[in-house]
Amino acid sequence: WFLVMTHNHALDFSLAERIMRRTDFSYFGMIGSKTKRVKFERRLLERGVELERLEQMTCPIGVPGIVDKAPAMIAVAVCAELLQVRGR
């Protein structure tokens, strides 16, 4: 499992690229917005990551319906999502 939650988009992208080239993970989630995801998808495709692989990247993370941006609320939403994924 990989969870990327830095404050640096360049670092996030570097980590995302490395993770997406791996084949040994069952979950990869990254904090961000739908806009960030679209930008990262485009850049990852340009760098040779296959379109099908991008389906394995969860971004934004957190259970749907929790839109609060406070760190504690993000943490709760992400933990809830991880529990759901673990239960599948």
C-alpha atoms as a PDB file:
ATOM      1  CA  TRP A   1       0.000   0.000   0.000  1.00  0.00           C
ATOM      2  CA  PHE A   2       1.178   3.521  -0.830  1.00  0.00           C
ATOM      3  CA  LEU A   3      -0.295   6.757   0.482  1.00  0.00           C
ATOM      4  CA  VAL A   4       1.205  10.030  -0.786  1.00  0.00           C
ATOM      5  CA  MET A   5       0.322  13.080   1.303  1.00  0.00           C
ATOM      6  CA  THR A   6       3.046  15.701   0.940  1.00  0.00           C
ATOM      7  CA  HIS A   7       2.739  19.472   0.554  1.00  0.00           C
ATOM      8  CA  ASN A   8       4.899  19.476  -2.572  1.00  0.00           C
ATOM      9  CA  HIS A   9       3.384  18.726  -5.978  1.00  0.00           C
ATOM     10  CA  ALA A  10       6.783  18.034  -7.545  1.00  0.00           C
ATOM     11  CA  LEU A  11       7.550  15.464  -4.860  1.00  0.00           C
ATOM     12  CA  ASP A  12       4.058  13.997  -5.224  1.00  0.00           C
ATOM     13  CA  PHE A  13       4.602  13.579  -8.958  1.00  0.00           C
ATOM     14  CA  SER A  14       8.023  12.008  -8.495  1.00  0.00           C
ATOM     15  CA  LEU A  15       6.589   9.518  -6.004  1.00  0.00           C
ATOM     16  CA  ALA A  16       3.544   8.840  -8.191  1.00  0.00           C
ATOM     17  CA  GLU A  17       5.726   8.103 -11.212  1.00  0.00           C
ATOM     18  CA  ARG A  18       7.858   5.653  -9.241  1.00  0.00           C
ATOM     19  CA  ILE A  19       4.862   3.953  -7.680  1.00  0.00           C
ATOM     20  CA  MET A  20       3.022   3.614 -10.997  1.00  0.00           C
ATOM     21  CA  ARG A  21       6.024   1.800 -12.473  1.00  0.00           C
ATOM     22  CA  ARG A  22       5.794  -0.853  -9.756  1.00  0.00           C
ATOM     23  CA  THR A  23       3.642  -3.953 -10.005  1.00  0.00           C
ATOM     24  CA  ASP A  24       3.642  -4.988  -6.364  1.00  0.00           C
ATOM     25  CA  PHE A  25       1.079  -2.713  -4.748  1.00  0.00           C
ATOM     26  CA  SER A  26      -2.587  -3.249  -3.989  1.00  0.00           C
ATOM     27  CA  TYR A  27      -3.426   0.381  -3.189  1.00  0.00           C
ATOM     28  CA  PHE A  28      -1.996   3.744  -4.188  1.00  0.00           C
ATOM     29  CA  GLY A  29      -3.743   6.851  -2.937  1.00  0.00           C
ATOM     30  CA  MET A  30      -2.656  10.457  -3.222  1.00  0.00           C
ATOM     31  CA  ILE A  31      -4.021  13.603  -1.649  1.00  0.00           C
ATOM     32  CA  GLY A  32      -5.198  16.146  -4.180  1.00  0.00           C
ATOM     33  CA  SER A  33      -8.028  17.380  -6.319  1.00  0.00           C
ATOM     34  CA  LYS A  34      -9.654  16.152  -9.499  1.00  0.00           C
ATOM     35  CA  THR A  35      -7.646  18.830 -11.324  1.00  0.00           C
ATOM     36  CA  LYS A  36      -4.389  17.516  -9.846  1.00  0.00           C
ATOM     37  CA  ARG A  37      -5.309  14.017 -10.954  1.00  0.00           C
ATOM     38  CA  VAL A  38      -5.943  15.136 -14.545  1.00  0.00           C
ATOM     39  CA  LYS A  39      -2.607  16.974 -14.664  1.00  0.00           C
ATOM     40  CA  PHE A  40      -0.728  14.025 -13.190  1.00  0.00           C
ATOM     41  CA  GLU A  41      -2.433  11.558 -15.535  1.00  0.00           C
ATOM     42  CA  ARG A  42      -1.382  13.620 -18.552  1.00  0.00           C
ATOM     43  CA  ARG A  43       2.215  13.844 -17.344  1.00  0.00           C
ATOM     44  CA  LEU A  44       2.378  10.150 -16.439  1.00  0.00           C
ATOM     45  CA  LEU A  45       1.067   9.179 -19.880  1.00  0.00           C
ATOM     46  CA  GLU A  46       3.724  11.409 -21.462  1.00  0.00           C
ATOM     47  CA  ARG A  47       6.339   9.499 -19.452  1.00  0.00           C
ATOM     48  CA  GLY A  48       5.167   6.119 -20.639  1.00  0.00           C
ATOM     49  CA  VAL A  49       2.787   4.970 -17.925  1.00  0.00           C
ATOM     50  CA  GLU A  50      -0.006   2.969 -19.550  1.00  0.00           C
ATOM     51  CA  LEU A  51      -3.540   4.342 -19.429  1.00  0.00           C
ATOM     52  CA  GLU A  52      -4.875   1.173 -17.792  1.00  0.00           C
ATOM     53  CA  ARG A  53      -2.389   1.558 -14.937  1.00  0.00           C
ATOM     54  CA  LEU A  54      -3.793   4.982 -14.054  1.00  0.00           C
ATOM     55  CA  GLU A  55      -6.977   3.283 -12.877  1.00  0.00           C
ATOM     56  CA  GLN A  56      -4.914   1.959  -9.954  1.00  0.00           C
ATOM     57  CA  MET A  57      -4.216   5.495  -8.703  1.00  0.00           C
ATOM     58  CA  THR A  58      -6.774   6.839  -6.236  1.00  0.00           C
ATOM     59  CA  CYS A  59      -6.786  10.626  -6.299  1.00  0.00           C
ATOM     60  CA  PRO A  60      -8.376  12.420  -4.643  1.00  0.00           C
ATOM     61  CA  ILE A  61      -8.392  10.208  -1.568  1.00  0.00           C
ATOM     62  CA  GLY A  62     -11.017   9.945   1.137  1.00  0.00           C
ATOM     63  CA  VAL A  63     -14.568   8.693   1.253  1.00  0.00           C
ATOM     64  CA  PRO A  64     -17.023  10.644  -0.889  1.00  0.00           C
ATOM     65  CA  GLY A  65     -19.152  13.241   0.848  1.00  0.00           C
ATOM     66  CA  ILE A  66     -16.541  14.573   3.264  1.00  0.00           C
ATOM     67  CA  VAL A  67     -15.465  17.870   1.719  1.00  0.00           C
ATOM     68  CA  ASP A  68     -13.975  19.566   4.775  1.00  0.00           C
ATOM     69  CA  LYS A  69     -10.345  20.585   4.166  1.00  0.00           C
ATOM     70  CA  ALA A  70      -9.289  20.604   7.813  1.00  0.00           C
ATOM     71  CA  PRO A  71      -6.373  18.186   8.386  1.00  0.00           C
ATOM     72  CA  ALA A  72      -8.298  16.189  10.994  1.00  0.00           C
ATOM     73  CA  MET A  73     -11.244  15.740   8.638  1.00  0.00           C
ATOM     74  CA  ILE A  74      -8.997  14.700   5.770  1.00  0.00           C
ATOM     75  CA  ALA A  75      -7.399  12.147   8.093  1.00  0.00           C
ATOM     76  CA  VAL A  76     -10.791  10.718   9.061  1.00  0.00           C
ATOM     77  CA  ALA A  77     -11.927  10.534   5.407  1.00  0.00           C
ATOM     78  CA  VAL A  78      -8.709   8.823   4.344  1.00  0.00           C
ATOM     79  CA  CYS A  79      -8.791   6.341   7.244  1.00  0.00           C
ATOM     80  CA  ALA A  80     -12.396   5.487   6.383  1.00  0.00           C
ATOM     81  CA  GLU A  81     -11.421   4.849   2.761  1.00  0.00           C
ATOM     82  CA  LEU A  82      -8.491   2.656   3.765  1.00  0.00           C
ATOM     83  CA  LEU A  83     -10.787   0.606   6.009  1.00  0.00           C
ATOM     84  CA  GLN A  84     -13.212   0.164   3.112  1.00  0.00           C
ATOM     85  CA  VAL A  85     -10.434  -0.923   0.769  1.00  0.00           C
ATOM     86  CA  ARG A  86      -9.048  -3.321   3.364  1.00  0.00           C
ATOM     87  CA  GLY A  87     -12.482  -4.876   3.788  1.00  0.00           C
ATOM     88  CA  ARG A  88     -12.849  -5.682   0.079  1.00  0.00           C
END
